[in-house]
Structures are given as C-alpha cells and as structure tokens.
Amino acid sequence: MERVAAIRAALHEVIVGQEETIDHLLICALTGSHALLLGVPGLAKTLLVKALASSFNWKFSRIQFTPDLMPADITGYELLQTDASGAVTGRGMVFRPGPVFANLVLADEINRAAPKTQSALLESMAELHVTVGGKTYDLEEPFVVAATQNPIEQEGTYPLPEAQLDRFMMEIHIGYPTPAQEEEIVTKTTSGPLTLPRARLAREDFLALRELVYAAPAPASVVSYAVRLAGSSRPREPRAGEDVQRYVQWGAGPRASQFLVLGAKAWALLNGRAAPTVTDVKTLALPVLRHRIIPNYHAIGDGVTSDRIVERLLETVAD
C-alpha cells in the first residue's frame, strides 16, 4: 500500500485540500467502481480526475455532455473502409471506437445530455462493453467513470434516473476551499502551468491491487451491519424507523450493501489494515447511500434531505 500512499501524496501536490474527495475517488478506483462528483464550477473536479488518471498511468478521455450529444459520440460508430486519402477501399464496415474506450472516463455535466445518450454510457458502466451495429465490443479493464454535475444550475438538464444513479458507488459532494486553501490555489495556478503527477503504478500492478481489495476478509459483523443499515432505509420493511417511514419514498437496494462492504475493504487497506470494521462502513455511509435514498413529498415539505436521513440512520441502527 506504500505505492497507493505515494499516489495520494502526488494528488495532493496538484490538488489543494479536498482530502476526503481524494480518498473517496481512490476507493472507487481501487474497487473498479464509478463516482458522481457534485460541485459548483471552478472546484478542480476535472483537474482531480485527470491527475488520478496520470497517477495510475491510465488512458484518460473526457466527454463534454451537451443536449445535442448522440450515443455514437460516446460509443463510436461504423463506417466504410477507406484508405489514408479517404477513398473507399471495400464494402466492409470498420468500427471507430469512441471516447468511452479508455480506463478513466470523465463524463462532464452528465445530466445535460438526453436520456438516450445517457443510456449509452449506462451499458458501458454496467456491462463493461458497448454494442454498435449489432456487435459487442469489450472495454479494457480497469474501466472507471467519473461523472460531474453542477448542483445549482438545473435549467436544460435531464435528471439521471434512479437506475443509473445506482450504478455509481458514491455521490461525492465537493465544497468550497477554506480561505487559506484558496490563497494556496491562487498562488499555484497563477505561477505557471500545473504539471500532472507522473505515473506511480503500472496497469498490471493496479489490477493485482484491486484483487487484493476483493480478497480482503470482511467480518460477519461488518457485513451484517452494512445489510441492516441499507435495509433500514426501506420504508416498507419492518426494520425501518419512524423517520424512514415518514420521509422516504424508496430506500437503498442490495447494491448499497455491496458497495458499503467493498468500500470499507478498500478504506481499511488504504489505512494499512487487513480487514474492515463497522466504523469503516459508517465512514462511507453518506456518499454511498445519499443518492440511493429518495425522499418523498413529506421530506421536501419539511426540508429533510437524503443526507439527513442517512445521518439519522447512523444514529439509530445498532452496530
């Protein structure tokens, strides 16, 4: 794990502050999972994702989502075979891979594209392949999608459906820097171009490290707590508390329990421990659960957010 610690340090050389955001992104990377980043413009979301790809020596691509973006702009397309001059050389079709064929894909402002285009990315996230012209093309591992959303500008956007939100391991909220951090940011960014960190881990070494995360043992108590925590968010189950029954329309599904345990494993290894604890699950509960709990109209009327519901679950669900 020394090399992962070196990657963390390298990211901090480029990114000022955002320790929690960096740790959460590393957890998503180490588990082969996807991340949804929410923050206002100018908080270095793009720079952070590019720096992560550079640290891992991954192929990086950025897709700027707009209302006129088409599925083929993501997946790629088929066209007639041509030579270097553009002349058609045969009757066969050749596939031109799109930007989704990368190790780390930044889906910038993902909610600005129409649902049809969003669904093209969903297949890649869920199945690790794309289908074009009736043919299936596998994506190279590792494959991680980091999508961004602007939480304050909703005009002309298409909210992500719950099925697609559930594919993201974490919804990571990025806040404003402190005054001291902002001074450091201004000093760094006005003194010359920023240099991305050099590669610290080969692809084969990363895949071996990911297998180590999966192989880490999860105590029965940790699995039990993760299942009870996720299950307690479902209003139609007997274990749901009064707040959940009053304020939740839909709770977290089984994928939440899986991500809580898997994330806890990665977090434990990042901190030099061989096995996760219940505390590790609690540490990651908010980013893993917040986008999987859908508040109802009572919650909206009373100003109760999904974050508050998760915090209440952490207070009431026994270890």
C-alpha atoms as a PDB file:
ATOM      1  CA  MET A   1       0.000   0.000   0.000  1.00  0.00           C
ATOM      2  CA  GLU A   2       3.036   2.269   0.023  1.00  0.00           C
ATOM      3  CA  ARG A   3       2.534   2.949  -3.692  1.00  0.00           C
ATOM      4  CA  VAL A   4      -1.079   3.948  -3.111  1.00  0.00           C
ATOM      5  CA  ALA A   5       0.086   6.286  -0.364  1.00  0.00           C
ATOM      6  CA  ALA A   6       2.528   7.758  -2.899  1.00  0.00           C
ATOM      7  CA  ILE A   7      -0.364   8.303  -5.328  1.00  0.00           C
ATOM      8  CA  ARG A   8      -2.342  10.050  -2.613  1.00  0.00           C
ATOM      9  CA  ALA A   9       0.630  12.302  -1.897  1.00  0.00           C
ATOM     10  CA  ALA A  10       1.111  13.005  -5.605  1.00  0.00           C
ATOM     11  CA  LEU A  11      -2.518  14.072  -5.968  1.00  0.00           C
ATOM     12  CA  HIS A  12      -2.098  16.483  -3.066  1.00  0.00           C
ATOM     13  CA  GLU A  13       0.799  18.084  -4.926  1.00  0.00           C
ATOM     14  CA  VAL A  14      -1.669  19.139  -7.622  1.00  0.00           C
ATOM     15  CA  ILE A  15      -4.911  19.450  -5.657  1.00  0.00           C
ATOM     16  CA  VAL A  16      -5.110  21.737  -2.640  1.00  0.00           C
ATOM     17  CA  GLY A  17      -7.212  20.327   0.203  1.00  0.00           C
ATOM     18  CA  GLN A  18     -10.113  18.002  -0.717  1.00  0.00           C
ATOM     19  CA  GLU A  19      -8.616  15.166   1.329  1.00  0.00           C
ATOM     20  CA  GLU A  20     -11.939  13.391   1.681  1.00  0.00           C
ATOM     21  CA  THR A  21     -12.739  13.736  -2.025  1.00  0.00           C
ATOM     22  CA  ILE A  22      -9.356  12.281  -2.983  1.00  0.00           C
ATOM     23  CA  ASP A  23      -9.811   9.347  -0.595  1.00  0.00           C
ATOM     24  CA  HIS A  24     -13.287   8.612  -1.944  1.00  0.00           C
ATOM     25  CA  LEU A  25     -12.056   8.701  -5.546  1.00  0.00           C
ATOM     26  CA  LEU A  26      -9.203   6.358  -4.664  1.00  0.00           C
ATOM     27  CA  ILE A  27     -11.699   3.953  -3.094  1.00  0.00           C
ATOM     28  CA  CYS A  28     -13.790   3.992  -6.277  1.00  0.00           C
ATOM     29  CA  ALA A  29     -10.687   3.392  -8.390  1.00  0.00           C
ATOM     30  CA  LEU A  30      -9.413   0.562  -6.188  1.00  0.00           C
ATOM     31  CA  THR A  31     -12.761  -1.213  -6.411  1.00  0.00           C
ATOM     32  CA  GLY A  32     -13.345  -0.629 -10.131  1.00  0.00           C
ATOM     33  CA  SER A  33     -16.421   1.455  -9.300  1.00  0.00           C
ATOM     34  CA  HIS A  34     -17.851   4.693 -10.634  1.00  0.00           C
ATOM     35  CA  ALA A  35     -18.118   8.088  -8.931  1.00  0.00           C
ATOM     36  CA  LEU A  36     -20.537  11.000  -9.284  1.00  0.00           C
ATOM     37  CA  LEU A  37     -18.984  14.362  -8.367  1.00  0.00           C
ATOM     38  CA  LEU A  38     -21.229  17.261  -7.377  1.00  0.00           C
ATOM     39  CA  GLY A  39     -19.823  20.757  -7.017  1.00  0.00           C
ATOM     40  CA  VAL A  40     -20.076  24.249  -8.436  1.00  0.00           C
ATOM     41  CA  PRO A  41     -17.742  25.204 -11.314  1.00  0.00           C
ATOM     42  CA  GLY A  42     -14.136  26.014 -10.501  1.00  0.00           C
ATOM     43  CA  LEU A  43     -13.518  23.431  -7.773  1.00  0.00           C
ATOM     44  CA  ALA A  44     -10.941  21.457  -9.812  1.00  0.00           C
ATOM     45  CA  LYS A  45     -13.139  18.435 -10.483  1.00  0.00           C
ATOM     46  CA  THR A  46     -11.703  17.946 -13.972  1.00  0.00           C
ATOM     47  CA  LEU A  47      -8.132  18.502 -12.781  1.00  0.00           C
ATOM     48  CA  LEU A  48      -8.585  15.984  -9.983  1.00  0.00           C
ATOM     49  CA  VAL A  49      -9.821  13.255 -12.333  1.00  0.00           C
ATOM     50  CA  LYS A  50      -7.035  13.947 -14.854  1.00  0.00           C
ATOM     51  CA  ALA A  51      -4.443  13.839 -12.070  1.00  0.00           C
ATOM     52  CA  LEU A  52      -5.837  10.491 -10.880  1.00  0.00           C
ATOM     53  CA  ALA A  53      -5.546   9.009 -14.382  1.00  0.00           C
ATOM     54  CA  SER A  54      -1.995  10.331 -14.692  1.00  0.00           C
ATOM     55  CA  SER A  55      -1.003   8.819 -11.338  1.00  0.00           C
ATOM     56  CA  PHE A  56      -2.255   5.390 -12.369  1.00  0.00           C
ATOM     57  CA  ASN A  57      -0.881   5.729 -15.929  1.00  0.00           C
ATOM     58  CA  TRP A  58      -4.389   5.137 -17.308  1.00  0.00           C
ATOM     59  CA  LYS A  59      -5.762   6.136 -20.676  1.00  0.00           C
ATOM     60  CA  PHE A  60      -7.970   9.163 -19.993  1.00  0.00           C
ATOM     61  CA  SER A  61     -10.789  10.669 -22.016  1.00  0.00           C
ATOM     62  CA  ARG A  62     -13.214  13.482 -21.361  1.00  0.00           C
ATOM     63  CA  ILE A  63     -16.737  13.681 -22.775  1.00  0.00           C
ATOM     64  CA  GLN A  64     -18.481  17.052 -22.535  1.00  0.00           C
ATOM     65  CA  PHE A  65     -22.173  16.205 -22.273  1.00  0.00           C
ATOM     66  CA  THR A  66     -24.485  18.576 -24.151  1.00  0.00           C
ATOM     67  CA  PRO A  67     -28.129  18.308 -25.283  1.00  0.00           C
ATOM     68  CA  ASP A  68     -27.056  17.504 -28.873  1.00  0.00           C
ATOM     69  CA  LEU A  69     -24.611  14.735 -27.878  1.00  0.00           C
ATOM     70  CA  MET A  70     -25.515  11.442 -29.571  1.00  0.00           C
ATOM     71  CA  PRO A  71     -24.869   7.861 -28.357  1.00  0.00           C
ATOM     72  CA  ALA A  72     -22.379   7.320 -31.211  1.00  0.00           C
ATOM     73  CA  ASP A  73     -20.364  10.283 -29.914  1.00  0.00           C
ATOM     74  CA  ILE A  74     -19.694   8.150 -26.826  1.00  0.00           C
ATOM     75  CA  THR A  75     -19.535   4.582 -28.055  1.00  0.00           C
ATOM     76  CA  GLY A  76     -18.084   5.076 -31.532  1.00  0.00           C
ATOM     77  CA  TYR A  77     -19.527   4.234 -34.935  1.00  0.00           C
ATOM     78  CA  GLU A  78     -19.142   2.078 -38.034  1.00  0.00           C
ATOM     79  CA  LEU A  79     -18.143   3.476 -41.430  1.00  0.00           C
ATOM     80  CA  LEU A  80     -16.987   2.205 -44.790  1.00  0.00           C
ATOM     81  CA  GLN A  81     -13.367   1.116 -45.063  1.00  0.00           C
ATOM     82  CA  THR A  82     -11.196   3.849 -46.540  1.00  0.00           C
ATOM     83  CA  ASP A  83      -7.510   4.420 -47.199  1.00  0.00           C
ATOM     84  CA  ALA A  84      -5.361   7.322 -45.992  1.00  0.00           C
ATOM     85  CA  SER A  85      -6.740   9.582 -48.741  1.00  0.00           C
ATOM     86  CA  GLY A  86     -10.338   8.882 -47.744  1.00  0.00           C
ATOM     87  CA  ALA A  87     -11.155   6.719 -50.754  1.00  0.00           C
ATOM     88  CA  VAL A  88     -13.423   3.729 -50.126  1.00  0.00           C
ATOM     89  CA  THR A  89     -11.376   0.516 -50.305  1.00  0.00           C
ATOM     90  CA  GLY A  90     -14.050  -2.123 -49.816  1.00  0.00           C
ATOM     91  CA  ARG A  91     -17.639  -2.886 -48.978  1.00  0.00           C
ATOM     92  CA  GLY A  92     -16.960  -3.829 -45.388  1.00  0.00           C
ATOM     93  CA  MET A  93     -17.582  -1.646 -42.363  1.00  0.00           C
ATOM     94  CA  VAL A  94     -14.922  -0.776 -39.814  1.00  0.00           C
ATOM     95  CA  PHE A  95     -15.572   0.250 -36.222  1.00  0.00           C
ATOM     96  CA  ARG A  96     -14.107   3.517 -34.936  1.00  0.00           C
ATOM     97  CA  PRO A  97     -14.019   3.410 -31.114  1.00  0.00           C
ATOM     98  CA  GLY A  98     -15.436   6.401 -29.253  1.00  0.00           C
ATOM     99  CA  PRO A  99     -14.054   8.139 -26.145  1.00  0.00           C
ATOM    100  CA  VAL A 100     -15.630   5.569 -23.836  1.00  0.00           C
ATOM    101  CA  PHE A 101     -12.749   3.241 -24.795  1.00  0.00           C
ATOM    102  CA  ALA A 102     -10.465   4.448 -22.023  1.00  0.00           C
ATOM    103  CA  ASN A 103      -9.550   3.445 -18.492  1.00  0.00           C
ATOM    104  CA  LEU A 104     -10.874   6.583 -16.820  1.00  0.00           C
ATOM    105  CA  VAL A 105     -13.705   8.473 -18.489  1.00  0.00           C
ATOM    106  CA  LEU A 106     -14.726  11.923 -17.285  1.00  0.00           C
ATOM    107  CA  ALA A 107     -18.406  12.451 -18.126  1.00  0.00           C
ATOM    108  CA  ASP A 108     -18.570  16.208 -17.648  1.00  0.00           C
ATOM    109  CA  GLU A 109     -22.011  17.606 -16.745  1.00  0.00           C
ATOM    110  CA  ILE A 110     -23.605  14.250 -17.455  1.00  0.00           C
ATOM    111  CA  ASN A 111     -27.128  15.493 -16.781  1.00  0.00           C
ATOM    112  CA  ARG A 112     -27.011  17.862 -19.792  1.00  0.00           C
ATOM    113  CA  ALA A 113     -27.383  15.005 -22.286  1.00  0.00           C
ATOM    114  CA  ALA A 114     -30.688  13.433 -23.282  1.00  0.00           C
ATOM    115  CA  PRO A 115     -31.710  10.098 -21.681  1.00  0.00           C
ATOM    116  CA  LYS A 116     -30.945   8.164 -24.892  1.00  0.00           C
ATOM    117  CA  THR A 117     -27.328   9.335 -24.726  1.00  0.00           C
ATOM    118  CA  GLN A 118     -27.088   8.708 -21.001  1.00  0.00           C
ATOM    119  CA  SER A 119     -28.241   5.123 -21.577  1.00  0.00           C
ATOM    120  CA  ALA A 120     -25.321   4.531 -23.958  1.00  0.00           C
ATOM    121  CA  LEU A 121     -22.943   5.256 -21.102  1.00  0.00           C
ATOM    122  CA  LEU A 122     -25.025   3.134 -18.710  1.00  0.00           C
ATOM    123  CA  GLU A 123     -24.353  -0.021 -20.764  1.00  0.00           C
ATOM    124  CA  SER A 124     -20.629   0.627 -20.529  1.00  0.00           C
ATOM    125  CA  MET A 125     -20.818   1.183 -16.762  1.00  0.00           C
ATOM    126  CA  ALA A 126     -22.937  -1.873 -16.103  1.00  0.00           C
ATOM    127  CA  GLU A 127     -21.628  -4.405 -18.615  1.00  0.00           C
ATOM    128  CA  LEU A 128     -18.076  -3.258 -19.472  1.00  0.00           C
ATOM    129  CA  HIS A 129     -18.877  -3.328 -23.166  1.00  0.00           C
ATOM    130  CA  VAL A 130     -20.689  -1.369 -25.870  1.00  0.00           C
ATOM    131  CA  THR A 131     -22.935  -2.592 -28.671  1.00  0.00           C
ATOM    132  CA  VAL A 132     -22.734  -0.918 -32.070  1.00  0.00           C
ATOM    133  CA  GLY A 133     -24.295  -2.241 -35.270  1.00  0.00           C
ATOM    134  CA  GLY A 134     -25.315  -5.454 -33.554  1.00  0.00           C
ATOM    135  CA  LYS A 135     -21.745  -6.214 -32.471  1.00  0.00           C
ATOM    136  CA  THR A 136     -20.399  -6.123 -28.929  1.00  0.00           C
ATOM    137  CA  TYR A 137     -17.019  -4.584 -28.141  1.00  0.00           C
ATOM    138  CA  ASP A 138     -15.393  -5.193 -24.767  1.00  0.00           C
ATOM    139  CA  LEU A 139     -13.813  -2.381 -22.775  1.00  0.00           C
ATOM    140  CA  GLU A 140     -10.336  -2.770 -21.338  1.00  0.00           C
ATOM    141  CA  GLU A 141     -10.021  -3.036 -17.583  1.00  0.00           C
ATOM    142  CA  PRO A 142      -9.728  -1.080 -15.442  1.00  0.00           C
ATOM    143  CA  PHE A 143     -12.726   0.981 -16.506  1.00  0.00           C
ATOM    144  CA  VAL A 144     -13.968   3.764 -14.241  1.00  0.00           C
ATOM    145  CA  VAL A 145     -16.426   6.568 -14.984  1.00  0.00           C
ATOM    146  CA  ALA A 146     -16.199   9.804 -13.019  1.00  0.00           C
ATOM    147  CA  ALA A 147     -19.243  11.946 -13.835  1.00  0.00           C
ATOM    148  CA  THR A 148     -19.783  15.542 -12.769  1.00  0.00           C
ATOM    149  CA  GLN A 149     -22.919  17.580 -12.147  1.00  0.00           C
ATOM    150  CA  ASN A 150     -23.487  21.229 -11.342  1.00  0.00           C
ATOM    151  CA  PRO A 151     -25.887  21.134  -8.358  1.00  0.00           C
ATOM    152  CA  ILE A 152     -27.155  24.719  -8.718  1.00  0.00           C
ATOM    153  CA  GLU A 153     -27.935  25.024 -12.429  1.00  0.00           C
ATOM    154  CA  GLN A 154     -30.782  22.724 -13.479  1.00  0.00           C
ATOM    155  CA  GLU A 155     -32.251  24.568 -16.481  1.00  0.00           C
ATOM    156  CA  GLY A 156     -31.920  22.498 -19.639  1.00  0.00           C
ATOM    157  CA  THR A 157     -30.793  19.354 -17.802  1.00  0.00           C
ATOM    158  CA  TYR A 158     -32.092  15.785 -17.709  1.00  0.00           C
ATOM    159  CA  PRO A 159     -32.013  14.333 -14.169  1.00  0.00           C
ATOM    160  CA  LEU A 160     -30.333  10.949 -14.003  1.00  0.00           C
ATOM    161  CA  PRO A 161     -32.798   8.090 -13.485  1.00  0.00           C
ATOM    162  CA  GLU A 162     -32.500   6.115 -10.270  1.00  0.00           C
ATOM    163  CA  ALA A 163     -31.282   3.033 -12.169  1.00  0.00           C
ATOM    164  CA  GLN A 164     -28.299   4.975 -13.469  1.00  0.00           C
ATOM    165  CA  LEU A 165     -27.617   6.706 -10.146  1.00  0.00           C
ATOM    166  CA  ASP A 166     -27.449   3.275  -8.525  1.00  0.00           C
ATOM    167  CA  ARG A 167     -24.520   2.365 -10.801  1.00  0.00           C
ATOM    168  CA  PHE A 168     -22.357   4.975  -9.099  1.00  0.00           C
ATOM    169  CA  MET A 169     -20.661   3.695  -5.987  1.00  0.00           C
ATOM    170  CA  MET A 170     -20.509   7.158  -4.429  1.00  0.00           C
ATOM    171  CA  GLU A 171     -22.027  10.575  -4.819  1.00  0.00           C
ATOM    172  CA  ILE A 172     -19.194  12.846  -3.724  1.00  0.00           C
ATOM    173  CA  HIS A 173     -20.017  16.423  -2.756  1.00  0.00           C
ATOM    174  CA  ILE A 174     -17.190  18.930  -3.202  1.00  0.00           C
ATOM    175  CA  GLY A 175     -17.354  22.107  -1.131  1.00  0.00           C
ATOM    176  CA  TYR A 176     -15.582  25.438  -1.287  1.00  0.00           C
ATOM    177  CA  PRO A 177     -11.974  25.651  -0.067  1.00  0.00           C
ATOM    178  CA  THR A 178     -11.032  27.435   3.133  1.00  0.00           C
ATOM    179  CA  PRO A 179      -9.535  30.935   2.802  1.00  0.00           C
ATOM    180  CA  ALA A 180      -6.022  29.546   3.390  1.00  0.00           C
ATOM    181  CA  GLN A 181      -6.550  26.822   0.795  1.00  0.00           C
ATOM    182  CA  GLU A 182      -7.929  29.327  -1.716  1.00  0.00           C
ATOM    183  CA  GLU A 183      -4.850  31.515  -1.265  1.00  0.00           C
ATOM    184  CA  GLU A 184      -2.651  28.486  -1.988  1.00  0.00           C
ATOM    185  CA  ILE A 185      -4.772  27.623  -5.041  1.00  0.00           C
ATOM    186  CA  VAL A 186      -4.445  31.144  -6.423  1.00  0.00           C
ATOM    187  CA  THR A 187      -0.687  31.160  -5.826  1.00  0.00           C
ATOM    188  CA  LYS A 188      -0.183  27.796  -7.564  1.00  0.00           C
ATOM    189  CA  THR A 189      -2.413  28.480 -10.539  1.00  0.00           C
ATOM    190  CA  THR A 190      -1.011  31.940 -11.275  1.00  0.00           C
ATOM    191  CA  SER A 191       2.656  30.928 -11.140  1.00  0.00           C
ATOM    192  CA  GLY A 192       2.713  28.847 -14.317  1.00  0.00           C
ATOM    193  CA  PRO A 193       1.033  25.785 -15.816  1.00  0.00           C
ATOM    194  CA  LEU A 194       0.311  22.910 -13.446  1.00  0.00           C
ATOM    195  CA  THR A 195       2.152  19.627 -14.020  1.00  0.00           C
ATOM    196  CA  LEU A 196       0.205  16.405 -13.647  1.00  0.00           C
ATOM    197  CA  PRO A 197       1.766  13.779 -11.370  1.00  0.00           C
ATOM    198  CA  ARG A 198       3.877  11.115 -13.011  1.00  0.00           C
ATOM    199  CA  ALA A 199       2.719   7.504 -13.149  1.00  0.00           C
ATOM    200  CA  ARG A 200       3.225   5.648  -9.878  1.00  0.00           C
ATOM    201  CA  LEU A 201       1.607   2.291 -10.654  1.00  0.00           C
ATOM    202  CA  ALA A 202       1.630   0.033 -13.719  1.00  0.00           C
ATOM    203  CA  ARG A 203      -1.679  -1.327 -15.013  1.00  0.00           C
ATOM    204  CA  GLU A 204      -0.806  -4.901 -14.021  1.00  0.00           C
ATOM    205  CA  ASP A 205       0.171  -3.802 -10.517  1.00  0.00           C
ATOM    206  CA  PHE A 206      -3.082  -1.898 -10.155  1.00  0.00           C
ATOM    207  CA  LEU A 207      -5.177  -4.910 -11.210  1.00  0.00           C
ATOM    208  CA  ALA A 208      -3.299  -7.029  -8.667  1.00  0.00           C
ATOM    209  CA  LEU A 209      -4.016  -4.409  -6.020  1.00  0.00           C
ATOM    210  CA  ARG A 210      -7.693  -4.420  -6.909  1.00  0.00           C
ATOM    211  CA  GLU A 211      -7.773  -8.196  -6.492  1.00  0.00           C
ATOM    212  CA  LEU A 212      -6.209  -7.700  -3.068  1.00  0.00           C
ATOM    213  CA  VAL A 213      -9.085  -5.419  -2.103  1.00  0.00           C
ATOM    214  CA  TYR A 214     -11.643  -8.004  -3.213  1.00  0.00           C
ATOM    215  CA  ALA A 215      -9.784 -10.782  -1.389  1.00  0.00           C
ATOM    216  CA  ALA A 216      -9.641  -8.908   1.923  1.00  0.00           C
ATOM    217  CA  PRO A 217     -11.822 -10.697   4.507  1.00  0.00           C
ATOM    218  CA  ALA A 218     -14.965  -8.948   5.682  1.00  0.00           C
ATOM    219  CA  PRO A 219     -16.028  -9.974   9.218  1.00  0.00           C
ATOM    220  CA  ALA A 220     -19.607 -11.198   9.558  1.00  0.00           C
ATOM    221  CA  SER A 221     -20.360  -8.291  11.886  1.00  0.00           C
ATOM    222  CA  VAL A 222     -19.355  -5.793   9.184  1.00  0.00           C
ATOM    223  CA  VAL A 223     -21.500  -7.493   6.528  1.00  0.00           C
ATOM    224  CA  SER A 224     -24.430  -7.717   8.944  1.00  0.00           C
ATOM    225  CA  TYR A 225     -24.208  -4.032   9.831  1.00  0.00           C
ATOM    226  CA  ALA A 226     -23.989  -2.950   6.181  1.00  0.00           C
ATOM    227  CA  VAL A 227     -27.084  -5.018   5.333  1.00  0.00           C
ATOM    228  CA  ARG A 228     -29.015  -3.661   8.321  1.00  0.00           C
ATOM    229  CA  LEU A 229     -28.009  -0.068   7.517  1.00  0.00           C
ATOM    230  CA  ALA A 230     -29.129  -0.314   3.894  1.00  0.00           C
ATOM    231  CA  GLY A 231     -32.233  -2.310   4.771  1.00  0.00           C
ATOM    232  CA  SER A 232     -33.310   0.203   7.400  1.00  0.00           C
ATOM    233  CA  SER A 233     -33.642   2.845   4.658  1.00  0.00           C
ATOM    234  CA  ARG A 234     -36.530   0.939   3.018  1.00  0.00           C
ATOM    235  CA  PRO A 235     -39.863   2.333   4.272  1.00  0.00           C
ATOM    236  CA  ARG A 236     -41.895  -0.808   3.589  1.00  0.00           C
ATOM    237  CA  GLU A 237     -39.720  -3.089   5.720  1.00  0.00           C
ATOM    238  CA  PRO A 238     -40.420  -3.735   9.430  1.00  0.00           C
ATOM    239  CA  ARG A 239     -36.895  -2.682  10.422  1.00  0.00           C
ATOM    240  CA  ALA A 240     -37.443   0.833   9.043  1.00  0.00           C
ATOM    241  CA  GLY A 241     -37.640   3.526  11.709  1.00  0.00           C
ATOM    242  CA  GLU A 242     -40.277   6.214  12.079  1.00  0.00           C
ATOM    243  CA  ASP A 243     -38.259   8.820  10.164  1.00  0.00           C
ATOM    244  CA  VAL A 244     -37.756   6.491   7.202  1.00  0.00           C
ATOM    245  CA  GLN A 245     -41.425   5.531   7.087  1.00  0.00           C
ATOM    246  CA  ARG A 246     -42.442   9.178   7.142  1.00  0.00           C
ATOM    247  CA  TYR A 247     -39.852  10.715   4.813  1.00  0.00           C
ATOM    248  CA  VAL A 248     -38.589   8.059   2.364  1.00  0.00           C
ATOM    249  CA  GLN A 249     -40.286   7.070  -0.875  1.00  0.00           C
ATOM    250  CA  TRP A 250     -37.687   4.483  -1.940  1.00  0.00           C
ATOM    251  CA  GLY A 251     -34.734   3.159   0.037  1.00  0.00           C
ATOM    252  CA  ALA A 252     -31.353   1.757  -0.922  1.00  0.00           C
ATOM    253  CA  GLY A 253     -31.191  -1.588  -2.707  1.00  0.00           C
ATOM    254  CA  PRO A 254     -28.792  -4.521  -2.229  1.00  0.00           C
ATOM    255  CA  ARG A 255     -26.106  -2.808  -4.323  1.00  0.00           C
ATOM    256  CA  ALA A 256     -25.752  -0.322  -1.462  1.00  0.00           C
ATOM    257  CA  SER A 257     -24.845  -3.143   0.950  1.00  0.00           C
ATOM    258  CA  GLN A 258     -22.305  -4.471  -1.528  1.00  0.00           C
ATOM    259  CA  PHE A 259     -20.676  -1.075  -2.006  1.00  0.00           C
ATOM    260  CA  LEU A 260     -20.615  -0.393   1.745  1.00  0.00           C
ATOM    261  CA  VAL A 261     -18.632  -3.583   2.364  1.00  0.00           C
ATOM    262  CA  LEU A 262     -16.415  -3.246  -0.694  1.00  0.00           C
ATOM    263  CA  GLY A 263     -15.678   0.386   0.082  1.00  0.00           C
ATOM    264  CA  ALA A 264     -14.902  -0.467   3.703  1.00  0.00           C
ATOM    265  CA  LYS A 265     -12.383  -3.059   2.498  1.00  0.00           C
ATOM    266  CA  ALA A 266     -10.602  -0.502   0.316  1.00  0.00           C
ATOM    267  CA  TRP A 267     -10.683   2.128   3.074  1.00  0.00           C
ATOM    268  CA  ALA A 268      -9.163  -0.317   5.560  1.00  0.00           C
ATOM    269  CA  LEU A 269      -6.329  -1.210   3.159  1.00  0.00           C
ATOM    270  CA  LEU A 270      -5.711   2.460   2.420  1.00  0.00           C
ATOM    271  CA  ASN A 271      -5.171   2.914   6.133  1.00  0.00           C
ATOM    272  CA  GLY A 272      -2.864  -0.089   6.485  1.00  0.00           C
ATOM    273  CA  ARG A 273      -5.376  -2.563   7.926  1.00  0.00           C
ATOM    274  CA  ALA A 274      -6.079  -6.031   6.558  1.00  0.00           C
ATOM    275  CA  ALA A 275      -9.806  -6.150   7.353  1.00  0.00           C
ATOM    276  CA  PRO A 276     -12.587  -3.550   7.617  1.00  0.00           C
ATOM    277  CA  THR A 277     -14.571  -2.627  10.718  1.00  0.00           C
ATOM    278  CA  VAL A 278     -18.061  -1.294  11.331  1.00  0.00           C
ATOM    279  CA  THR A 279     -16.500   2.143  11.736  1.00  0.00           C
ATOM    280  CA  ASP A 280     -15.228   1.935   8.153  1.00  0.00           C
ATOM    281  CA  VAL A 281     -18.776   1.265   6.943  1.00  0.00           C
ATOM    282  CA  LYS A 282     -20.050   4.271   8.912  1.00  0.00           C
ATOM    283  CA  THR A 283     -17.315   6.467   7.431  1.00  0.00           C
ATOM    284  CA  LEU A 284     -18.505   5.729   3.887  1.00  0.00           C
ATOM    285  CA  ALA A 285     -22.244   5.548   4.555  1.00  0.00           C
ATOM    286  CA  LEU A 286     -23.076   9.095   3.449  1.00  0.00           C
ATOM    287  CA  PRO A 287     -21.500   9.082  -0.053  1.00  0.00           C
ATOM    288  CA  VAL A 288     -22.688   5.511  -0.706  1.00  0.00           C
ATOM    289  CA  LEU A 289     -26.294   5.948   0.457  1.00  0.00           C
ATOM    290  CA  ARG A 290     -27.251   9.582  -0.195  1.00  0.00           C
ATOM    291  CA  HIS A 291     -28.142   9.106  -3.884  1.00  0.00           C
ATOM    292  CA  ARG A 292     -29.928   5.799  -3.274  1.00  0.00           C
ATOM    293  CA  ILE A 293     -32.481   7.176  -0.815  1.00  0.00           C
ATOM    294  CA  ILE A 294     -35.354   9.030  -2.486  1.00  0.00           C
ATOM    295  CA  PRO A 295     -37.177  11.459  -0.144  1.00  0.00           C
ATOM    296  CA  ASN A 296     -40.954  11.801  -0.512  1.00  0.00           C
ATOM    297  CA  TYR A 297     -43.116  14.922  -0.535  1.00  0.00           C
ATOM    298  CA  HIS A 298     -43.275  14.993   3.302  1.00  0.00           C
ATOM    299  CA  ALA A 299     -39.479  15.282   3.367  1.00  0.00           C
ATOM    300  CA  ILE A 300     -39.484  18.022   0.745  1.00  0.00           C
ATOM    301  CA  GLY A 301     -42.112  19.947   2.674  1.00  0.00           C
ATOM    302  CA  ASP A 302     -40.222  19.610   5.970  1.00  0.00           C
ATOM    303  CA  GLY A 303     -36.823  20.347   4.417  1.00  0.00           C
ATOM    304  CA  VAL A 304     -35.465  16.868   5.189  1.00  0.00           C
ATOM    305  CA  THR A 305     -32.729  15.797   2.758  1.00  0.00           C
ATOM    306  CA  SER A 306     -31.350  12.356   1.985  1.00  0.00           C
ATOM    307  CA  ASP A 307     -28.157  13.367   3.820  1.00  0.00           C
ATOM    308  CA  ARG A 308     -30.158  13.994   6.981  1.00  0.00           C
ATOM    309  CA  ILE A 309     -31.911  10.646   6.611  1.00  0.00           C
ATOM    310  CA  VAL A 310     -28.544   8.853   6.343  1.00  0.00           C
ATOM    311  CA  GLU A 311     -27.250  10.690   9.394  1.00  0.00           C
ATOM    312  CA  ARG A 312     -30.352   9.613  11.317  1.00  0.00           C
ATOM    313  CA  LEU A 313     -29.825   6.009  10.221  1.00  0.00           C
ATOM    314  CA  LEU A 314     -26.266   6.121  11.573  1.00  0.00           C
ATOM    315  CA  GLU A 315     -27.654   7.325  14.886  1.00  0.00           C
ATOM    316  CA  THR A 316     -30.394   4.696  15.198  1.00  0.00           C
ATOM    317  CA  VAL A 317     -29.124   1.476  13.569  1.00  0.00           C
ATOM    318  CA  ALA A 318     -27.266  -0.597  16.162  1.00  0.00           C
ATOM    319  CA  ASP A 319     -23.699  -1.757  15.491  1.00  0.00           C
END
